[in-house]
N, C-alpha and C. Protein backbone atom coordinates (compact mmCIF):
# COMPACT_ATOMS: atom_id res chain seq x y z
N MET A 1 0.84 -1.19 0.00
CA MET A 1 0.00 0.00 0.00
C MET A 1 0.88 1.25 0.00
N SER A 2 0.43 2.29 -0.64
CA SER A 2 1.19 3.53 -0.73
C SER A 2 0.38 4.67 -0.12
N LEU A 3 1.07 5.77 0.15
CA LEU A 3 0.39 6.94 0.69
C LEU A 3 -0.52 7.55 -0.37
N ILE A 4 -1.63 8.12 0.08
CA ILE A 4 -2.55 8.81 -0.83
C ILE A 4 -2.31 10.31 -0.65
N PHE A 5 -1.97 10.98 -1.73
CA PHE A 5 -1.64 12.41 -1.66
C PHE A 5 -2.77 13.25 -2.24
N ASP A 6 -2.91 14.47 -1.70
CA ASP A 6 -3.94 15.38 -2.19
C ASP A 6 -3.41 16.22 -3.35
N SER A 7 -4.16 17.20 -3.77
CA SER A 7 -3.79 18.00 -4.94
C SER A 7 -2.54 18.84 -4.69
N GLU A 8 -2.21 19.09 -3.43
CA GLU A 8 -1.00 19.84 -3.11
C GLU A 8 0.22 18.95 -2.96
N GLY A 9 -0.01 17.65 -3.02
CA GLY A 9 1.10 16.72 -2.88
C GLY A 9 1.35 16.26 -1.47
N PHE A 10 0.44 16.59 -0.54
CA PHE A 10 0.57 16.16 0.84
C PHE A 10 -0.29 14.92 1.10
N PRO A 11 0.09 14.09 2.08
CA PRO A 11 -0.80 13.01 2.49
C PRO A 11 -2.18 13.56 2.79
N ASP A 12 -3.21 12.87 2.35
CA ASP A 12 -4.57 13.44 2.43
C ASP A 12 -5.07 13.67 3.85
N PHE A 13 -4.47 13.01 4.84
CA PHE A 13 -4.96 13.22 6.21
C PHE A 13 -4.57 14.58 6.76
N PHE A 14 -3.59 15.26 6.15
CA PHE A 14 -3.19 16.58 6.64
C PHE A 14 -4.40 17.52 6.72
N ALA A 15 -5.26 17.45 5.70
CA ALA A 15 -6.41 18.36 5.61
C ALA A 15 -7.45 18.08 6.69
N GLN A 16 -7.38 16.91 7.32
CA GLN A 16 -8.35 16.55 8.35
C GLN A 16 -7.89 16.95 9.75
N ALA A 17 -6.66 17.40 9.87
CA ALA A 17 -6.12 17.78 11.18
C ALA A 17 -6.78 19.07 11.67
N PRO A 18 -6.76 19.31 12.98
CA PRO A 18 -7.35 20.54 13.53
C PRO A 18 -6.73 21.78 12.90
N ILE A 19 -7.53 22.84 12.80
CA ILE A 19 -7.11 24.10 12.19
C ILE A 19 -7.10 25.18 13.27
N LEU A 20 -6.10 26.04 13.22
CA LEU A 20 -6.02 27.16 14.16
C LEU A 20 -6.56 28.43 13.49
N HIS A 21 -7.54 29.05 14.14
CA HIS A 21 -8.05 30.36 13.71
C HIS A 21 -7.60 31.37 14.76
N ILE A 22 -6.89 32.39 14.33
CA ILE A 22 -6.28 33.32 15.26
C ILE A 22 -6.24 34.72 14.64
N GLN A 23 -6.17 35.74 15.48
CA GLN A 23 -6.09 37.11 14.99
C GLN A 23 -4.71 37.68 15.29
N ASP A 24 -4.14 38.37 14.31
CA ASP A 24 -2.85 39.02 14.47
C ASP A 24 -3.06 40.52 14.21
N LYS A 25 -2.95 41.32 15.25
CA LYS A 25 -3.22 42.76 15.12
C LYS A 25 -2.18 43.46 14.24
N LEU A 26 -0.97 42.91 14.19
CA LEU A 26 0.03 43.48 13.29
C LEU A 26 -0.36 43.24 11.84
N ALA A 27 -0.90 42.07 11.54
CA ALA A 27 -1.37 41.78 10.19
C ALA A 27 -2.50 42.72 9.80
N TRP A 28 -3.36 43.03 10.78
CA TRP A 28 -4.43 44.01 10.52
C TRP A 28 -3.85 45.41 10.32
N PHE A 29 -2.94 45.81 11.20
CA PHE A 29 -2.35 47.16 11.19
C PHE A 29 -1.67 47.46 9.85
N LEU A 30 -1.00 46.46 9.29
CA LEU A 30 -0.26 46.65 8.04
C LEU A 30 -1.02 46.17 6.81
N GLY A 31 -2.29 45.80 7.02
CA GLY A 31 -3.12 45.41 5.89
C GLY A 31 -2.76 44.09 5.26
N ALA A 32 -2.13 43.21 6.02
CA ALA A 32 -1.72 41.91 5.48
C ALA A 32 -2.85 40.89 5.48
N ALA A 33 -3.87 41.11 6.31
CA ALA A 33 -4.99 40.17 6.39
C ALA A 33 -6.23 40.93 6.84
N ASP A 34 -7.36 40.62 6.25
CA ASP A 34 -8.62 41.27 6.58
C ASP A 34 -8.93 41.07 8.06
N SER A 35 -9.03 42.15 8.80
CA SER A 35 -9.28 42.12 10.25
C SER A 35 -8.18 41.39 11.02
N GLY A 36 -7.08 41.10 10.34
CA GLY A 36 -5.98 40.40 11.00
C GLY A 36 -6.25 38.93 11.23
N LEU A 37 -7.28 38.40 10.60
CA LEU A 37 -7.66 37.00 10.83
C LEU A 37 -6.79 36.07 9.99
N LEU A 38 -6.19 35.11 10.67
CA LEU A 38 -5.30 34.15 10.03
C LEU A 38 -5.77 32.73 10.32
N GLN A 39 -5.40 31.83 9.44
CA GLN A 39 -5.76 30.43 9.59
C GLN A 39 -4.51 29.59 9.33
N TYR A 40 -4.20 28.70 10.27
CA TYR A 40 -3.04 27.84 10.13
C TYR A 40 -3.49 26.38 10.13
N ARG A 41 -2.91 25.62 9.21
CA ARG A 41 -3.17 24.19 9.10
C ARG A 41 -1.89 23.40 9.35
N TYR A 42 -2.04 22.11 9.55
CA TYR A 42 -0.87 21.29 9.79
C TYR A 42 0.11 21.37 8.63
N ALA A 43 -0.39 21.50 7.42
CA ALA A 43 0.49 21.61 6.25
C ALA A 43 1.42 22.82 6.36
N ASP A 44 0.97 23.88 7.01
CA ASP A 44 1.83 25.05 7.19
C ASP A 44 3.02 24.71 8.07
N ALA A 45 2.79 23.93 9.11
CA ALA A 45 3.87 23.50 9.99
C ALA A 45 4.85 22.60 9.24
N VAL A 46 4.31 21.74 8.39
CA VAL A 46 5.15 20.84 7.59
C VAL A 46 6.01 21.63 6.61
N LYS A 47 5.42 22.64 5.99
CA LYS A 47 6.18 23.48 5.06
C LYS A 47 7.33 24.18 5.78
N LEU A 48 7.09 24.64 6.99
CA LEU A 48 8.13 25.30 7.75
C LEU A 48 9.25 24.32 8.12
N ALA A 49 8.86 23.17 8.66
CA ALA A 49 9.85 22.19 9.11
C ALA A 49 10.51 21.44 7.96
N GLY A 50 9.79 21.31 6.85
CA GLY A 50 10.31 20.55 5.73
C GLY A 50 10.02 19.07 5.83
N HIS A 51 9.28 18.68 6.85
CA HIS A 51 8.94 17.26 7.01
C HIS A 51 7.77 17.12 7.98
N SER A 52 7.16 15.95 7.97
CA SER A 52 6.08 15.62 8.89
C SER A 52 6.53 14.46 9.76
N CYS A 53 6.52 14.67 11.06
CA CYS A 53 6.97 13.63 11.99
C CYS A 53 6.23 13.80 13.31
N PRO A 54 6.38 12.87 14.24
CA PRO A 54 5.71 13.00 15.53
C PRO A 54 6.07 14.27 16.29
N THR A 55 7.30 14.75 16.14
CA THR A 55 7.70 15.98 16.81
C THR A 55 6.95 17.18 16.26
N VAL A 56 6.87 17.29 14.93
CA VAL A 56 6.15 18.40 14.31
C VAL A 56 4.67 18.33 14.67
N ALA A 57 4.10 17.13 14.61
CA ALA A 57 2.69 16.96 14.96
C ALA A 57 2.44 17.31 16.42
N ALA A 58 3.34 16.86 17.29
CA ALA A 58 3.18 17.15 18.72
C ALA A 58 3.26 18.64 19.00
N ALA A 59 4.23 19.32 18.39
CA ALA A 59 4.37 20.77 18.58
C ALA A 59 3.12 21.50 18.10
N TYR A 60 2.60 21.07 16.97
CA TYR A 60 1.39 21.68 16.41
C TYR A 60 0.21 21.50 17.37
N LEU A 61 0.01 20.27 17.82
CA LEU A 61 -1.13 19.98 18.69
C LEU A 61 -0.98 20.61 20.07
N MET A 62 0.23 20.62 20.61
CA MET A 62 0.46 21.23 21.92
C MET A 62 0.15 22.73 21.88
N THR A 63 0.56 23.37 20.79
CA THR A 63 0.31 24.80 20.66
C THR A 63 -1.17 25.10 20.55
N LEU A 64 -1.87 24.32 19.72
CA LEU A 64 -3.31 24.51 19.59
C LEU A 64 -4.02 24.27 20.92
N ALA A 65 -3.58 23.23 21.64
CA ALA A 65 -4.20 22.92 22.93
C ALA A 65 -3.94 24.03 23.95
N GLY A 66 -2.71 24.55 23.96
CA GLY A 66 -2.37 25.62 24.88
C GLY A 66 -3.16 26.89 24.59
N ILE A 67 -3.30 27.23 23.31
CA ILE A 67 -4.06 28.41 22.93
C ILE A 67 -5.53 28.26 23.34
N LYS A 68 -6.08 27.09 23.12
CA LYS A 68 -7.46 26.85 23.49
C LYS A 68 -7.65 26.95 25.01
N ALA A 69 -6.69 26.44 25.75
CA ALA A 69 -6.78 26.50 27.22
C ALA A 69 -6.72 27.95 27.71
N LEU A 70 -5.96 28.79 27.02
CA LEU A 70 -5.80 30.18 27.45
C LEU A 70 -6.96 31.07 27.02
N TYR A 71 -7.53 30.78 25.86
CA TYR A 71 -8.54 31.68 25.31
C TYR A 71 -9.96 31.13 25.30
N GLY A 72 -10.11 29.82 25.45
CA GLY A 72 -11.45 29.26 25.41
C GLY A 72 -12.16 29.60 24.12
N GLU A 73 -13.33 30.22 24.23
CA GLU A 73 -14.11 30.59 23.04
C GLU A 73 -13.74 31.97 22.51
N GLU A 74 -12.84 32.67 23.20
CA GLU A 74 -12.38 33.97 22.71
C GLU A 74 -11.52 33.78 21.46
N LEU A 75 -11.41 34.84 20.68
CA LEU A 75 -10.52 34.82 19.53
C LEU A 75 -9.09 35.01 20.03
N ALA A 76 -8.24 34.02 19.81
CA ALA A 76 -6.86 34.09 20.29
C ALA A 76 -6.09 35.17 19.55
N GLN A 77 -5.09 35.74 20.22
CA GLN A 77 -4.33 36.84 19.67
C GLN A 77 -2.87 36.43 19.41
N ARG A 78 -2.53 36.31 18.15
CA ARG A 78 -1.16 35.99 17.77
C ARG A 78 -0.27 37.21 18.06
N GLY A 79 0.89 36.96 18.63
CA GLY A 79 1.79 38.05 18.98
C GLY A 79 1.59 38.57 20.38
N GLU A 80 0.64 38.01 21.11
CA GLU A 80 0.37 38.45 22.47
C GLU A 80 0.47 37.29 23.46
N ILE A 81 1.23 36.27 23.06
CA ILE A 81 1.42 35.08 23.88
C ILE A 81 2.91 34.88 24.12
N GLU A 82 3.29 34.70 25.37
CA GLU A 82 4.67 34.38 25.72
C GLU A 82 4.80 32.87 25.81
N VAL A 83 5.95 32.35 25.39
CA VAL A 83 6.18 30.91 25.42
C VAL A 83 7.53 30.64 26.07
N PHE A 84 7.55 29.69 27.01
CA PHE A 84 8.77 29.33 27.73
C PHE A 84 9.01 27.83 27.57
N PHE A 85 10.20 27.48 27.10
CA PHE A 85 10.58 26.07 26.98
C PHE A 85 11.50 25.69 28.13
N ALA A 86 11.37 24.47 28.61
CA ALA A 86 12.19 24.01 29.73
C ALA A 86 13.64 23.81 29.31
N GLN A 87 13.87 23.41 28.06
CA GLN A 87 15.22 23.09 27.62
C GLN A 87 15.79 24.15 26.70
N SER A 88 17.07 24.02 26.38
CA SER A 88 17.75 24.95 25.48
C SER A 88 17.34 24.66 24.05
N PRO A 89 17.47 25.62 23.15
CA PRO A 89 17.05 25.42 21.76
C PRO A 89 17.81 24.33 21.02
N ASP A 90 19.03 24.00 21.49
CA ASP A 90 19.82 22.97 20.82
C ASP A 90 19.72 21.61 21.52
N SER A 91 18.77 21.50 22.42
CA SER A 91 18.58 20.25 23.15
C SER A 91 17.49 19.40 22.50
N GLY A 92 17.86 18.22 22.04
CA GLY A 92 16.88 17.30 21.46
C GLY A 92 16.10 17.93 20.32
N THR A 93 14.77 17.84 20.42
CA THR A 93 13.89 18.39 19.37
C THR A 93 13.32 19.76 19.75
N THR A 94 13.85 20.38 20.80
CA THR A 94 13.30 21.65 21.27
C THR A 94 13.31 22.71 20.18
N GLY A 95 14.40 22.82 19.43
CA GLY A 95 14.48 23.83 18.38
C GLY A 95 13.43 23.66 17.31
N VAL A 96 13.18 22.42 16.92
CA VAL A 96 12.16 22.14 15.91
C VAL A 96 10.79 22.53 16.45
N MET A 97 10.51 22.12 17.67
CA MET A 97 9.22 22.44 18.26
C MET A 97 9.04 23.95 18.40
N ALA A 98 10.09 24.64 18.78
CA ALA A 98 10.00 26.08 18.98
C ALA A 98 9.69 26.80 17.68
N SER A 99 10.21 26.29 16.56
CA SER A 99 9.93 26.93 15.27
C SER A 99 8.46 26.81 14.91
N ILE A 100 7.84 25.70 15.25
CA ILE A 100 6.41 25.52 15.00
C ILE A 100 5.61 26.43 15.91
N VAL A 101 6.01 26.50 17.17
CA VAL A 101 5.32 27.36 18.14
C VAL A 101 5.40 28.82 17.70
N GLN A 102 6.56 29.23 17.21
CA GLN A 102 6.71 30.61 16.74
C GLN A 102 5.79 30.89 15.57
N LEU A 103 5.70 29.95 14.64
CA LEU A 103 4.81 30.13 13.50
C LEU A 103 3.38 30.40 13.95
N LEU A 104 2.91 29.63 14.90
CA LEU A 104 1.50 29.69 15.29
C LEU A 104 1.18 30.82 16.27
N THR A 105 2.10 31.13 17.16
CA THR A 105 1.82 32.13 18.20
C THR A 105 2.42 33.51 17.88
N GLY A 106 3.42 33.54 17.02
CA GLY A 106 4.12 34.78 16.74
C GLY A 106 5.24 35.07 17.72
N ALA A 107 5.29 34.32 18.83
CA ALA A 107 6.33 34.52 19.84
C ALA A 107 7.70 34.17 19.26
N ALA A 108 8.65 35.11 19.36
CA ALA A 108 9.97 34.90 18.79
C ALA A 108 11.05 35.12 19.84
N SER A 109 12.24 34.62 19.56
CA SER A 109 13.38 34.81 20.45
C SER A 109 14.03 36.15 20.15
N ASP A 110 15.34 36.26 20.35
CA ASP A 110 16.00 37.56 20.17
C ASP A 110 16.14 37.98 18.71
N THR A 111 15.73 37.13 17.77
CA THR A 111 15.77 37.50 16.36
C THR A 111 14.41 37.99 15.85
N GLY A 112 13.43 38.06 16.74
CA GLY A 112 12.07 38.42 16.33
C GLY A 112 11.86 39.90 16.06
N PHE A 113 10.66 40.23 15.61
CA PHE A 113 10.28 41.59 15.28
C PHE A 113 10.38 42.48 16.52
N ALA A 114 11.08 43.61 16.37
CA ALA A 114 11.35 44.48 17.53
C ALA A 114 10.21 45.45 17.82
N GLY A 115 9.22 45.54 16.94
CA GLY A 115 8.09 46.42 17.18
C GLY A 115 8.16 47.70 16.35
N ILE A 116 7.08 48.44 16.35
CA ILE A 116 6.96 49.66 15.56
C ILE A 116 7.03 50.89 16.45
N GLY A 117 7.91 51.81 16.10
CA GLY A 117 7.99 53.08 16.81
C GLY A 117 8.62 52.99 18.18
N ALA A 118 8.60 54.14 18.88
CA ALA A 118 9.22 54.22 20.20
C ALA A 118 8.54 53.32 21.22
N GLN A 119 7.26 53.05 21.01
CA GLN A 119 6.52 52.19 21.94
C GLN A 119 6.67 50.71 21.62
N ALA A 120 7.39 50.41 20.54
CA ALA A 120 7.60 49.02 20.12
C ALA A 120 6.28 48.27 20.00
N LEU A 121 5.33 48.87 19.29
CA LEU A 121 4.03 48.24 19.10
C LEU A 121 4.18 46.92 18.36
N PHE A 122 3.41 45.95 18.79
CA PHE A 122 3.36 44.62 18.16
C PHE A 122 4.69 43.87 18.29
N LYS A 123 5.47 44.19 19.28
CA LYS A 123 6.76 43.53 19.48
C LYS A 123 6.59 42.04 19.72
N ARG A 124 7.43 41.24 19.06
CA ARG A 124 7.41 39.79 19.27
C ARG A 124 8.76 39.28 19.80
N ARG A 125 9.76 40.14 19.76
CA ARG A 125 11.10 39.74 20.19
C ARG A 125 11.10 39.36 21.68
N ASN A 126 11.76 38.25 21.97
CA ASN A 126 11.91 37.74 23.34
C ASN A 126 10.62 37.29 23.99
N LEU A 127 9.58 37.08 23.19
CA LEU A 127 8.38 36.44 23.74
C LEU A 127 8.57 34.93 23.82
N LEU A 128 9.61 34.42 23.15
CA LEU A 128 9.94 33.00 23.17
C LEU A 128 11.26 32.84 23.91
N GLN A 129 11.23 32.09 25.02
CA GLN A 129 12.43 31.93 25.85
C GLN A 129 12.68 30.46 26.16
N PHE A 130 13.95 30.17 26.50
CA PHE A 130 14.37 28.80 26.76
C PHE A 130 14.97 28.69 28.16
N ASN A 131 15.23 27.43 28.57
CA ASN A 131 15.83 27.13 29.87
C ASN A 131 15.00 27.69 31.03
N ALA A 132 13.69 27.63 30.88
CA ALA A 132 12.79 28.12 31.93
C ALA A 132 12.67 27.09 33.06
N ASP A 133 12.44 27.57 34.23
CA ASP A 133 12.30 26.71 35.41
C ASP A 133 10.86 26.20 35.50
N ILE A 134 10.55 25.23 34.65
CA ILE A 134 9.21 24.65 34.61
C ILE A 134 9.31 23.14 34.55
N GLU A 135 8.29 22.46 35.03
CA GLU A 135 8.26 20.99 35.00
C GLU A 135 7.31 20.54 33.90
N ALA A 136 7.63 20.90 32.69
CA ALA A 136 6.81 20.55 31.53
C ALA A 136 7.68 20.80 30.30
N VAL A 137 7.16 20.45 29.14
CA VAL A 137 7.90 20.74 27.91
C VAL A 137 7.94 22.24 27.68
N MET A 138 6.77 22.89 27.83
CA MET A 138 6.71 24.33 27.64
C MET A 138 5.56 24.92 28.43
N LEU A 139 5.59 26.23 28.52
CA LEU A 139 4.53 26.97 29.21
C LEU A 139 4.15 28.15 28.33
N MET A 140 2.84 28.42 28.23
CA MET A 140 2.35 29.55 27.46
C MET A 140 1.62 30.50 28.39
N ARG A 141 1.82 31.82 28.18
CA ARG A 141 1.20 32.81 29.05
C ARG A 141 0.67 33.99 28.22
N ARG A 142 -0.56 34.37 28.52
CA ARG A 142 -1.13 35.56 27.87
C ARG A 142 -0.49 36.81 28.43
N GLN A 143 -0.18 37.75 27.55
CA GLN A 143 0.40 39.00 28.01
C GLN A 143 -0.65 39.92 28.65
N ASP A 144 -1.89 39.83 28.20
CA ASP A 144 -2.88 40.78 28.67
C ASP A 144 -3.35 40.52 30.09
N ASN A 145 -3.51 39.26 30.48
CA ASN A 145 -4.04 38.98 31.82
C ASN A 145 -3.18 38.05 32.66
N GLY A 146 -2.07 37.56 32.09
CA GLY A 146 -1.15 36.73 32.85
C GLY A 146 -1.56 35.28 33.00
N ASP A 147 -2.71 34.89 32.44
CA ASP A 147 -3.11 33.49 32.51
C ASP A 147 -2.05 32.61 31.86
N ALA A 148 -1.75 31.49 32.51
CA ALA A 148 -0.69 30.62 32.01
C ALA A 148 -1.12 29.16 32.05
N VAL A 149 -0.54 28.37 31.16
CA VAL A 149 -0.79 26.94 31.13
C VAL A 149 0.50 26.22 30.80
N SER A 150 0.82 25.20 31.59
CA SER A 150 1.99 24.37 31.29
C SER A 150 1.54 23.20 30.44
N ILE A 151 2.43 22.73 29.57
CA ILE A 151 2.06 21.68 28.62
C ILE A 151 3.13 20.60 28.61
N ALA A 152 2.74 19.40 29.01
CA ALA A 152 3.62 18.24 28.99
C ALA A 152 3.17 17.31 27.87
N LEU A 153 4.03 16.36 27.52
CA LEU A 153 3.77 15.51 26.36
C LEU A 153 4.13 14.07 26.66
N ASN A 154 3.28 13.15 26.20
CA ASN A 154 3.56 11.72 26.30
C ASN A 154 3.20 11.05 24.98
N THR A 155 4.16 10.97 24.07
CA THR A 155 3.89 10.38 22.75
C THR A 155 3.83 8.87 22.79
N GLU A 156 4.15 8.26 23.94
CA GLU A 156 4.05 6.80 24.04
C GLU A 156 2.61 6.33 23.93
N ILE A 157 1.68 7.26 24.06
CA ILE A 157 0.27 6.93 23.86
C ILE A 157 0.05 6.39 22.45
N VAL A 158 0.88 6.87 21.51
CA VAL A 158 0.81 6.41 20.12
C VAL A 158 2.17 5.83 19.75
N PRO A 159 2.43 4.57 20.09
CA PRO A 159 3.76 3.99 19.87
C PRO A 159 4.00 3.60 18.41
N TRP A 160 5.28 3.41 18.08
CA TRP A 160 5.63 2.85 16.78
C TRP A 160 5.13 1.42 16.70
N SER A 161 4.74 1.00 15.51
CA SER A 161 4.33 -0.40 15.32
C SER A 161 5.57 -1.28 15.33
N GLU A 162 5.38 -2.56 15.60
CA GLU A 162 6.50 -3.50 15.60
C GLU A 162 7.12 -3.58 14.21
N GLU A 163 6.30 -3.48 13.17
CA GLU A 163 6.82 -3.51 11.81
C GLU A 163 7.74 -2.31 11.58
N MET A 164 7.35 -1.15 12.09
CA MET A 164 8.16 0.04 11.94
C MET A 164 9.49 -0.12 12.67
N ARG A 165 9.45 -0.66 13.85
CA ARG A 165 10.67 -0.86 14.63
C ARG A 165 11.64 -1.78 13.90
N ALA A 166 11.10 -2.76 13.20
CA ALA A 166 11.94 -3.69 12.46
C ALA A 166 12.51 -3.06 11.18
N LEU A 167 11.73 -2.22 10.55
CA LEU A 167 12.15 -1.60 9.29
C LEU A 167 13.15 -0.46 9.50
N MET A 168 13.03 0.27 10.58
CA MET A 168 13.79 1.50 10.74
C MET A 168 15.31 1.32 10.62
N PRO A 169 15.92 0.32 11.29
CA PRO A 169 17.37 0.18 11.15
C PRO A 169 17.81 -0.06 9.70
N LYS A 170 17.02 -0.82 8.96
CA LYS A 170 17.37 -1.11 7.58
C LYS A 170 17.27 0.14 6.71
N VAL A 171 16.23 0.92 6.93
CA VAL A 171 16.05 2.15 6.16
C VAL A 171 17.14 3.16 6.51
N MET A 172 17.42 3.32 7.79
CA MET A 172 18.40 4.29 8.23
C MET A 172 19.81 3.95 7.76
N SER A 173 20.09 2.67 7.57
CA SER A 173 21.42 2.26 7.12
C SER A 173 21.55 2.26 5.60
N GLY A 174 20.43 2.57 4.90
CA GLY A 174 20.46 2.63 3.45
C GLY A 174 20.37 1.28 2.77
N LEU A 175 19.98 0.26 3.50
CA LEU A 175 19.93 -1.11 2.95
C LEU A 175 18.53 -1.51 2.49
N ALA A 176 17.55 -0.65 2.70
CA ALA A 176 16.17 -0.98 2.31
C ALA A 176 15.99 -0.83 0.80
N ASP A 177 15.16 -1.71 0.23
CA ASP A 177 14.84 -1.56 -1.18
C ASP A 177 13.68 -0.58 -1.33
N ALA A 178 13.27 -0.32 -2.58
CA ALA A 178 12.24 0.69 -2.85
C ALA A 178 10.92 0.36 -2.16
N GLN A 179 10.55 -0.90 -2.14
CA GLN A 179 9.29 -1.30 -1.52
C GLN A 179 9.35 -1.11 -0.01
N GLU A 180 10.48 -1.44 0.59
CA GLU A 180 10.63 -1.27 2.03
C GLU A 180 10.65 0.22 2.40
N GLN A 181 11.31 1.03 1.55
CA GLN A 181 11.33 2.46 1.81
C GLN A 181 9.92 3.05 1.75
N SER A 182 9.14 2.61 0.78
CA SER A 182 7.76 3.09 0.64
C SER A 182 6.92 2.67 1.85
N ARG A 183 7.12 1.45 2.28
CA ARG A 183 6.37 0.96 3.43
C ARG A 183 6.76 1.73 4.69
N PHE A 184 8.05 2.01 4.83
CA PHE A 184 8.55 2.79 5.96
C PHE A 184 7.88 4.16 6.00
N ALA A 185 7.81 4.83 4.86
CA ALA A 185 7.20 6.17 4.79
C ALA A 185 5.74 6.13 5.20
N ARG A 186 5.04 5.09 4.75
CA ARG A 186 3.63 4.97 5.10
C ARG A 186 3.45 4.75 6.60
N LEU A 187 4.25 3.86 7.16
CA LEU A 187 4.14 3.59 8.59
C LEU A 187 4.50 4.83 9.42
N TRP A 188 5.49 5.57 8.93
CA TRP A 188 5.89 6.80 9.62
C TRP A 188 4.72 7.78 9.68
N GLN A 189 4.07 7.98 8.56
CA GLN A 189 2.96 8.93 8.50
C GLN A 189 1.70 8.38 9.17
N GLU A 190 1.58 7.07 9.27
CA GLU A 190 0.43 6.51 9.97
C GLU A 190 0.46 6.89 11.45
N ARG A 191 1.66 6.92 12.03
CA ARG A 191 1.75 7.33 13.43
C ARG A 191 1.38 8.81 13.58
N VAL A 192 1.87 9.63 12.66
CA VAL A 192 1.52 11.05 12.67
C VAL A 192 0.01 11.22 12.53
N SER A 193 -0.58 10.44 11.63
CA SER A 193 -2.03 10.50 11.41
C SER A 193 -2.79 10.15 12.67
N GLN A 194 -2.36 9.14 13.37
CA GLN A 194 -3.01 8.75 14.61
C GLN A 194 -2.98 9.88 15.63
N MET A 195 -1.85 10.54 15.72
CA MET A 195 -1.72 11.66 16.67
C MET A 195 -2.66 12.80 16.30
N LEU A 196 -2.68 13.16 15.03
CA LEU A 196 -3.45 14.32 14.58
C LEU A 196 -4.95 14.09 14.57
N LEU A 197 -5.36 12.90 14.18
CA LEU A 197 -6.79 12.65 13.98
C LEU A 197 -7.48 11.99 15.16
N HIS A 198 -6.74 11.26 15.97
CA HIS A 198 -7.38 10.50 17.05
C HIS A 198 -6.93 10.90 18.46
N HIS A 199 -5.87 11.70 18.55
CA HIS A 199 -5.37 12.06 19.88
C HIS A 199 -5.15 13.56 20.04
N ALA A 200 -5.73 14.35 19.16
CA ALA A 200 -5.53 15.81 19.22
C ALA A 200 -5.99 16.40 20.54
N GLU A 201 -7.01 15.81 21.15
CA GLU A 201 -7.54 16.31 22.42
C GLU A 201 -7.40 15.26 23.53
N ASP A 202 -6.44 14.37 23.37
CA ASP A 202 -6.21 13.31 24.34
C ASP A 202 -5.38 13.87 25.51
N SER A 203 -6.00 13.96 26.66
CA SER A 203 -5.33 14.53 27.82
C SER A 203 -4.21 13.65 28.35
N GLN A 204 -4.15 12.40 27.89
CA GLN A 204 -3.04 11.54 28.28
C GLN A 204 -1.80 11.83 27.44
N MET A 205 -2.01 12.29 26.21
CA MET A 205 -0.88 12.62 25.35
C MET A 205 -0.43 14.06 25.56
N ILE A 206 -1.38 14.99 25.56
CA ILE A 206 -1.07 16.40 25.78
C ILE A 206 -1.65 16.80 27.13
N GLN A 207 -0.77 17.03 28.09
CA GLN A 207 -1.17 17.22 29.48
C GLN A 207 -1.08 18.70 29.85
N LEU A 208 -2.24 19.31 30.05
CA LEU A 208 -2.33 20.73 30.35
C LEU A 208 -2.56 20.98 31.83
N LYS A 209 -1.97 22.05 32.33
CA LYS A 209 -2.16 22.41 33.72
C LYS A 209 -2.18 23.94 33.85
N GLN A 210 -3.31 24.48 34.27
CA GLN A 210 -3.38 25.91 34.52
C GLN A 210 -2.46 26.25 35.67
N CYS A 211 -1.74 27.34 35.57
CA CYS A 211 -0.76 27.65 36.60
C CYS A 211 -0.50 29.15 36.69
N VAL A 212 0.30 29.51 37.67
CA VAL A 212 0.77 30.88 37.83
C VAL A 212 2.26 30.86 37.55
N PHE A 213 2.71 31.72 36.65
CA PHE A 213 4.12 31.74 36.30
C PHE A 213 4.63 33.18 36.29
N PRO A 214 5.41 33.57 37.29
CA PRO A 214 5.87 34.96 37.37
C PRO A 214 6.87 35.31 36.29
N GLY A 215 7.69 34.28 35.91
CA GLY A 215 8.65 34.43 34.82
C GLY A 215 9.48 35.68 34.81
């Protein structure tokens, strides 16, 4: 069996993943989007990362879950959310996850937008920080009211299949034939699909905790 791709060339399950609807006041201010309303899909995260994997899917889902926990039914505000990671950007997959979080929230590190004018309106620089003293993968905090939520992750809820475990060493060593490589790709994306379509709101995989964070 092979992967089924849509008209954009992506696996067709990408379009079924949760969608983020958010407002960016800077986009409104500069006329980049009507009313500043933006829409992000999983494919946008894949385009940024250059690949689809459990880490990219987890970062996407964690961010959506954190935004929902902070805003509820309110329209979330891109560029007005602070994000703190427990680890350094060069530790494990933290850097990859942070790039997805930045895409969706607008929060940036020291290379981010410095703001407009003397008041630094719409500033995003240093809204994304690392090595925070938190007991979770990351923490998100609203700038307007200080509400915060910590976000932990347990991807073991969706484990690799035994077939995948057997195929991976052969593929990674370059010894797999074309059929095995194709099967590997399908199994890889099947795990991503399970995360996106069946565990997007699974509290065992994405663990949220409302908290106070003075930061």
